[in-house]
PDB file of N, CA and C in Angstrom:
ATOM      1  N   MET A   1      76.364 -32.799 -14.000  1.00  0.00           N
ATOM      2  CA  MET A   1      77.353 -32.478 -12.988  1.00  0.00           C
ATOM      3  C   MET A   1      76.734 -31.657 -11.859  1.00  0.00           C
ATOM      4  N   ALA A   2      75.851 -30.728 -12.164  1.00  0.00           N
ATOM      5  CA  ALA A   2      75.222 -29.913 -11.136  1.00  0.00           C
ATOM      6  C   ALA A   2      74.346 -30.769 -10.224  1.00  0.00           C
ATOM      7  N   LEU A   3      73.749 -31.815 -10.785  1.00  0.00           N
ATOM      8  CA  LEU A   3      72.889 -32.674  -9.978  1.00  0.00           C
ATOM      9  C   LEU A   3      73.696 -33.401  -8.911  1.00  0.00           C
ATOM     10  N   SER A   4      74.858 -33.891  -9.263  1.00  0.00           N
ATOM     11  CA  SER A   4      75.679 -34.591  -8.277  1.00  0.00           C
ATOM     12  C   SER A   4      76.155 -33.635  -7.190  1.00  0.00           C
ATOM     13  N   LYS A   5      76.441 -32.387  -7.555  1.00  0.00           N
ATOM     14  CA  LYS A   5      76.858 -31.422  -6.548  1.00  0.00           C
ATOM     15  C   LYS A   5      75.727 -31.138  -5.573  1.00  0.00           C
ATOM     16  N   SER A   6      74.509 -30.958  -6.082  1.00  0.00           N
ATOM     17  CA  SER A   6      73.410 -30.652  -5.171  1.00  0.00           C
ATOM     18  C   SER A   6      73.089 -31.863  -4.307  1.00  0.00           C
ATOM     19  N   ASN A   7      73.216 -33.073  -4.867  1.00  0.00           N
ATOM     20  CA  ASN A   7      73.007 -34.280  -4.080  1.00  0.00           C
ATOM     21  C   ASN A   7      74.063 -34.367  -2.988  1.00  0.00           C
ATOM     22  N   SER A   8      75.294 -34.087  -3.335  1.00  0.00           N
ATOM     23  CA  SER A   8      76.377 -34.090  -2.372  1.00  0.00           C
ATOM     24  C   SER A   8      76.124 -33.035  -1.296  1.00  0.00           C
ATOM     25  N   LEU A   9      75.646 -31.894  -1.716  1.00  0.00           N
ATOM     26  CA  LEU A   9      75.366 -30.816  -0.780  1.00  0.00           C
ATOM     27  C   LEU A   9      74.245 -31.206   0.180  1.00  0.00           C
ATOM     28  N   THR A  10      73.232 -31.883  -0.313  1.00  0.00           N
ATOM     29  CA  THR A  10      72.138 -32.343   0.533  1.00  0.00           C
ATOM     30  C   THR A  10      72.649 -33.325   1.576  1.00  0.00           C
ATOM     31  N   ARG A  11      73.495 -34.244   1.150  1.00  0.00           N
ATOM     32  CA  ARG A  11      74.058 -35.201   2.100  1.00  0.00           C
ATOM     33  C   ARG A  11      74.911 -34.508   3.152  1.00  0.00           C
ATOM     34  N   ARG A  12      75.652 -33.501   2.750  1.00  0.00           N
ATOM     35  CA  ARG A  12      76.491 -32.777   3.706  1.00  0.00           C
ATOM     36  C   ARG A  12      75.652 -31.997   4.702  1.00  0.00           C
ATOM     37  N   TYR A  13      74.530 -31.435   4.245  1.00  0.00           N
ATOM     38  CA  TYR A  13      73.644 -30.734   5.183  1.00  0.00           C
ATOM     39  C   TYR A  13      73.036 -31.711   6.189  1.00  0.00           C
ATOM     40  N   LYS A  14      72.726 -32.920   5.758  1.00  0.00           N
ATOM     41  CA  LYS A  14      72.216 -33.943   6.678  1.00  0.00           C
ATOM     42  C   LYS A  14      73.281 -34.295   7.724  1.00  0.00           C
ATOM     43  N   LYS A  15      74.535 -34.434   7.273  1.00  0.00           N
ATOM     44  CA  LYS A  15      75.633 -34.703   8.199  1.00  0.00           C
ATOM     45  C   LYS A  15      75.775 -33.562   9.197  1.00  0.00           C
ATOM     46  N   LEU A  16      75.660 -32.331   8.697  1.00  0.00           N
ATOM     47  CA  LEU A  16      75.784 -31.164   9.559  1.00  0.00           C
ATOM     48  C   LEU A  16      74.713 -31.180  10.647  1.00  0.00           C
ATOM     49  N   GLU A  17      73.496 -31.527  10.282  1.00  0.00           N
ATOM     50  CA  GLU A  17      72.410 -31.625  11.264  1.00  0.00           C
ATOM     51  C   GLU A  17      72.706 -32.712  12.302  1.00  0.00           C
ATOM     52  N   LYS A  18      73.245 -33.837  11.844  1.00  0.00           N
ATOM     53  CA  LYS A  18      73.570 -34.940  12.755  1.00  0.00           C
ATOM     54  C   LYS A  18      74.636 -34.513  13.756  1.00  0.00           C
ATOM     55  N   TYR A  19      75.687 -33.839  13.277  1.00  0.00           N
ATOM     56  CA  TYR A  19      76.747 -33.390  14.167  1.00  0.00           C
ATOM     57  C   TYR A  19      76.241 -32.320  15.129  1.00  0.00           C
ATOM     58  N   HIS A  20      75.367 -31.454  14.657  1.00  0.00           N
ATOM     59  CA  HIS A  20      74.796 -30.422  15.518  1.00  0.00           C
ATOM     60  C   HIS A  20      74.009 -31.073  16.663  1.00  0.00           C
ATOM     61  N   ALA A  21      73.217 -32.083  16.330  1.00  0.00           N
ATOM     62  CA  ALA A  21      72.453 -32.786  17.366  1.00  0.00           C
ATOM     63  C   ALA A  21      73.383 -33.460  18.370  1.00  0.00           C
ATOM     64  N   GLU A  22      74.474 -34.011  17.897  1.00  0.00           N
ATOM     65  CA  GLU A  22      75.439 -34.668  18.779  1.00  0.00           C
ATOM     66  C   GLU A  22      76.095 -33.657  19.716  1.00  0.00           C
ATOM     67  N   ILE A  23      76.415 -32.494  19.200  1.00  0.00           N
ATOM     68  CA  ILE A  23      77.051 -31.456  20.013  1.00  0.00           C
ATOM     69  C   ILE A  23      76.082 -30.935  21.079  1.00  0.00           C
ATOM     70  N   MET A  24      74.836 -30.774  20.728  1.00  0.00           N
ATOM     71  CA  MET A  24      73.862 -30.166  21.623  1.00  0.00           C
ATOM     72  C   MET A  24      73.251 -31.135  22.633  1.00  0.00           C
ATOM     73  N   LYS A  25      73.617 -32.401  22.589  1.00  0.00           N
ATOM     74  CA  LYS A  25      73.110 -33.359  23.582  1.00  0.00           C
ATOM     75  C   LYS A  25      73.589 -32.956  24.968  1.00  0.00           C
ATOM     76  N   PRO A  26      72.727 -33.100  25.967  1.00  0.00           N
ATOM     77  CA  PRO A  26      73.189 -32.796  27.328  1.00  0.00           C
ATOM     78  C   PRO A  26      74.184 -33.851  27.824  1.00  0.00           C
ATOM     79  N   ALA A  27      74.991 -33.475  28.773  1.00  0.00           N
ATOM     80  CA  ALA A  27      75.976 -34.405  29.332  1.00  0.00           C
ATOM     81  C   ALA A  27      75.260 -35.540  30.060  1.00  0.00           C
ATOM     82  N   LYS A  28      75.813 -36.735  29.976  1.00  0.00           N
ATOM     83  CA  LYS A  28      75.187 -37.893  30.604  1.00  0.00           C
ATOM     84  C   LYS A  28      75.329 -37.856  32.119  1.00  0.00           C
ATOM     85  N   SER A  29      76.431 -37.347  32.605  1.00  0.00           N
ATOM     86  CA  SER A  29      76.629 -37.286  34.047  1.00  0.00           C
ATOM     87  C   SER A  29      76.073 -35.976  34.592  1.00  0.00           C
ATOM     88  N   GLY A  30      76.009 -35.865  35.880  1.00  0.00           N
ATOM     89  CA  GLY A  30      75.513 -34.651  36.511  1.00  0.00           C
ATOM     90  C   GLY A  30      76.496 -33.505  36.441  1.00  0.00           C
ATOM     91  N   LYS A  31      77.743 -33.834  36.188  1.00  0.00           N
ATOM     92  CA  LYS A  31      78.776 -32.801  36.090  1.00  0.00           C
ATOM     93  C   LYS A  31      78.639 -32.068  34.758  1.00  0.00           C
ATOM     94  N   ALA A  32      79.071 -30.854  34.749  1.00  0.00           N
ATOM     95  CA  ALA A  32      78.966 -30.042  33.529  1.00  0.00           C
ATOM     96  C   ALA A  32      80.270 -30.091  32.744  1.00  0.00           C
ATOM     97  N   ARG A  33      80.662 -31.294  32.343  1.00  0.00           N
ATOM     98  CA  ARG A  33      81.885 -31.452  31.555  1.00  0.00           C
ATOM     99  C   ARG A  33      81.517 -31.826  30.135  1.00  0.00           C
ATOM    100  N   GLN A  34      82.390 -31.499  29.232  1.00  0.00           N
ATOM    101  CA  GLN A  34      82.131 -31.800  27.822  1.00  0.00           C
ATOM    102  C   GLN A  34      82.516 -33.244  27.520  1.00  0.00           C
ATOM    103  N   CYS A  35      81.661 -33.897  26.768  1.00  0.00           N
ATOM    104  CA  CYS A  35      81.878 -35.286  26.389  1.00  0.00           C
ATOM    105  C   CYS A  35      82.883 -35.357  25.229  1.00  0.00           C
ATOM    106  N   VAL A  36      83.625 -36.441  25.160  1.00  0.00           N
ATOM    107  CA  VAL A  36      84.594 -36.630  24.074  1.00  0.00           C
ATOM    108  C   VAL A  36      83.868 -36.704  22.733  1.00  0.00           C
ATOM    109  N   HIS A  37      82.687 -37.319  22.732  1.00  0.00           N
ATOM    110  CA  HIS A  37      81.934 -37.453  21.492  1.00  0.00           C
ATOM    111  C   HIS A  37      81.508 -36.095  20.936  1.00  0.00           C
ATOM    112  N   SER A  38      81.165 -35.170  21.807  1.00  0.00           N
ATOM    113  CA  SER A  38      80.784 -33.852  21.323  1.00  0.00           C
ATOM    114  C   SER A  38      81.997 -33.087  20.803  1.00  0.00           C
ATOM    115  N   CYS A  39      83.180 -33.329  21.374  1.00  0.00           N
ATOM    116  CA  CYS A  39      84.405 -32.705  20.849  1.00  0.00           C
ATOM    117  C   CYS A  39      84.700 -33.198  19.435  1.00  0.00           C
ATOM    118  N   VAL A  40      84.576 -34.498  19.239  1.00  0.00           N
ATOM    119  CA  VAL A  40      84.815 -35.086  17.920  1.00  0.00           C
ATOM    120  C   VAL A  40      83.757 -34.585  16.933  1.00  0.00           C
ATOM    121  N   ALA A  41      82.500 -34.539  17.387  1.00  0.00           N
ATOM    122  CA  ALA A  41      81.420 -34.056  16.528  1.00  0.00           C
ATOM    123  C   ALA A  41      81.648 -32.604  16.148  1.00  0.00           C
ATOM    124  N   PHE A  42      82.181 -31.795  17.064  1.00  0.00           N
ATOM    125  CA  PHE A  42      82.449 -30.388  16.754  1.00  0.00           C
ATOM    126  C   PHE A  42      83.508 -30.266  15.669  1.00  0.00           C
ATOM    127  N   LYS A  43      84.557 -31.067  15.757  1.00  0.00           N
ATOM    128  CA  LYS A  43      85.602 -31.028  14.723  1.00  0.00           C
ATOM    129  C   LYS A  43      85.037 -31.446  13.368  1.00  0.00           C
ATOM    130  N   LYS A  44      84.198 -32.466  13.360  1.00  0.00           N
ATOM    131  CA  LYS A  44      83.582 -32.909  12.109  1.00  0.00           C
ATOM    132  C   LYS A  44      82.583 -31.883  11.595  1.00  0.00           C
ATOM    133  N   TYR A  45      81.902 -31.189  12.504  1.00  0.00           N
ATOM    134  CA  TYR A  45      80.960 -30.131  12.138  1.00  0.00           C
ATOM    135  C   TYR A  45      81.685 -29.024  11.381  1.00  0.00           C
ATOM    136  N   VAL A  46      82.811 -28.583  11.929  1.00  0.00           N
ATOM    137  CA  VAL A  46      83.589 -27.512  11.291  1.00  0.00           C
ATOM    138  C   VAL A  46      84.074 -27.961   9.913  1.00  0.00           C
ATOM    139  N   LYS A  47      84.555 -29.203   9.821  1.00  0.00           N
ATOM    140  CA  LYS A  47      85.044 -29.723   8.544  1.00  0.00           C
ATOM    141  C   LYS A  47      83.916 -29.796   7.505  1.00  0.00           C
ATOM    142  N   THR A  48      82.757 -30.288   7.926  1.00  0.00           N
ATOM    143  CA  THR A  48      81.626 -30.408   7.012  1.00  0.00           C
ATOM    144  C   THR A  48      81.137 -29.029   6.585  1.00  0.00           C
ATOM    145  N   PHE A  49      81.093 -28.086   7.522  1.00  0.00           N
ATOM    146  CA  PHE A  49      80.668 -26.720   7.185  1.00  0.00           C
ATOM    147  C   PHE A  49      81.615 -26.097   6.158  1.00  0.00           C
ATOM    148  N   ARG A  50      82.908 -26.326   6.334  1.00  0.00           N
ATOM    149  CA  ARG A  50      83.893 -25.802   5.385  1.00  0.00           C
ATOM    150  C   ARG A  50      83.682 -26.415   3.992  1.00  0.00           C
ATOM    151  N   GLN A  51      83.386 -27.727   3.957  1.00  0.00           N
ATOM    152  CA  GLN A  51      83.138 -28.394   2.674  1.00  0.00           C
ATOM    153  C   GLN A  51      81.894 -27.828   1.997  1.00  0.00           C
ATOM    154  N   ILE A  52      80.851 -27.558   2.770  1.00  0.00           N
ATOM    155  CA  ILE A  52      79.629 -26.974   2.214  1.00  0.00           C
ATOM    156  C   ILE A  52      79.928 -25.604   1.617  1.00  0.00           C
ATOM    157  N   CYS A  53      80.702 -24.801   2.338  1.00  0.00           N
ATOM    158  CA  CYS A  53      81.059 -23.471   1.832  1.00  0.00           C
ATOM    159  C   CYS A  53      81.841 -23.564   0.529  1.00  0.00           C
ATOM    160  N   LEU A  54      82.751 -24.506   0.442  1.00  0.00           N
ATOM    161  CA  LEU A  54      83.532 -24.673  -0.788  1.00  0.00           C
ATOM    162  C   LEU A  54      82.640 -25.035  -1.971  1.00  0.00           C
ATOM    163  N   VAL A  55      81.702 -25.950  -1.758  1.00  0.00           N
ATOM    164  CA  VAL A  55      80.810 -26.369  -2.834  1.00  0.00           C
ATOM    165  C   VAL A  55      79.901 -25.216  -3.266  1.00  0.00           C
ATOM    166  N   GLU A  56      79.360 -24.491  -2.287  1.00  0.00           N
ATOM    167  CA  GLU A  56      78.478 -23.377  -2.633  1.00  0.00           C
ATOM    168  C   GLU A  56      79.236 -22.257  -3.329  1.00  0.00           C
ATOM    169  N   ASN A  57      80.476 -22.024  -2.934  1.00  0.00           N
ATOM    170  CA  ASN A  57      81.278 -21.006  -3.612  1.00  0.00           C
ATOM    171  C   ASN A  57      81.583 -21.410  -5.045  1.00  0.00           C
ATOM    172  N   GLU A  58      81.865 -22.685  -5.271  1.00  0.00           N
ATOM    173  CA  GLU A  58      82.115 -23.161  -6.634  1.00  0.00           C
ATOM    174  C   GLU A  58      80.851 -23.016  -7.494  1.00  0.00           C
ATOM    175  N   ASP A  59      79.698 -23.338  -6.899  1.00  0.00           N
ATOM    176  CA  ASP A  59      78.431 -23.172  -7.632  1.00  0.00           C
ATOM    177  C   ASP A  59      78.197 -21.709  -7.982  1.00  0.00           C
ATOM    178  N   ALA A  60      78.512 -20.808  -7.053  1.00  0.00           N
ATOM    179  CA  ALA A  60      78.326 -19.380  -7.292  1.00  0.00           C
ATOM    180  C   ALA A  60      79.260 -18.899  -8.393  1.00  0.00           C
ATOM    181  N   LYS A  61      80.497 -19.360  -8.396  1.00  0.00           N
ATOM    182  CA  LYS A  61      81.445 -18.969  -9.435  1.00  0.00           C
ATOM    183  C   LYS A  61      80.959 -19.448 -10.805  1.00  0.00           C
ATOM    184  N   PHE A  62      80.424 -20.661 -10.836  1.00  0.00           N
ATOM    185  CA  PHE A  62      79.943 -21.213 -12.097  1.00  0.00           C
ATOM    186  C   PHE A  62      78.716 -20.463 -12.591  1.00  0.00           C
ATOM    187  N   MET A  63      77.802 -20.136 -11.700  1.00  0.00           N
ATOM    188  CA  MET A  63      76.548 -19.496 -12.094  1.00  0.00           C
ATOM    189  C   MET A  63      76.716 -18.023 -12.444  1.00  0.00           C
ATOM    190  N   TYR A  64      77.596 -17.327 -11.744  1.00  0.00           N
ATOM    191  CA  TYR A  64      77.689 -15.879 -11.893  1.00  0.00           C
ATOM    192  C   TYR A  64      78.947 -15.402 -12.575  1.00  0.00           C
ATOM    193  N   SER A  65      79.748 -16.300 -13.115  1.00  0.00           N
ATOM    194  CA  SER A  65      80.950 -15.846 -13.814  1.00  0.00           C
ATOM    195  C   SER A  65      80.572 -15.389 -15.224  1.00  0.00           C
ATOM    196  N   PRO A  66      81.285 -14.392 -15.723  1.00  0.00           N
ATOM    197  CA  PRO A  66      80.944 -13.839 -17.057  1.00  0.00           C
ATOM    198  C   PRO A  66      81.299 -14.766 -18.194  1.00  0.00           C
TER     199      PRO A  66
END
């Protein structure tokens, strides 16, 4: 069971990196406006980060509970 969690966690970290790269891309036009894709990527970034925190907290509870 721990192996599947760490595998899942690895995949989520990869997703987080992908969304971060999408957010940090410069705007295609000369104007300094935010792209719709970066807005969507930001929402997915927050969701993925929250999922990572939940998994790591569950692992911590399992490892350090009496």
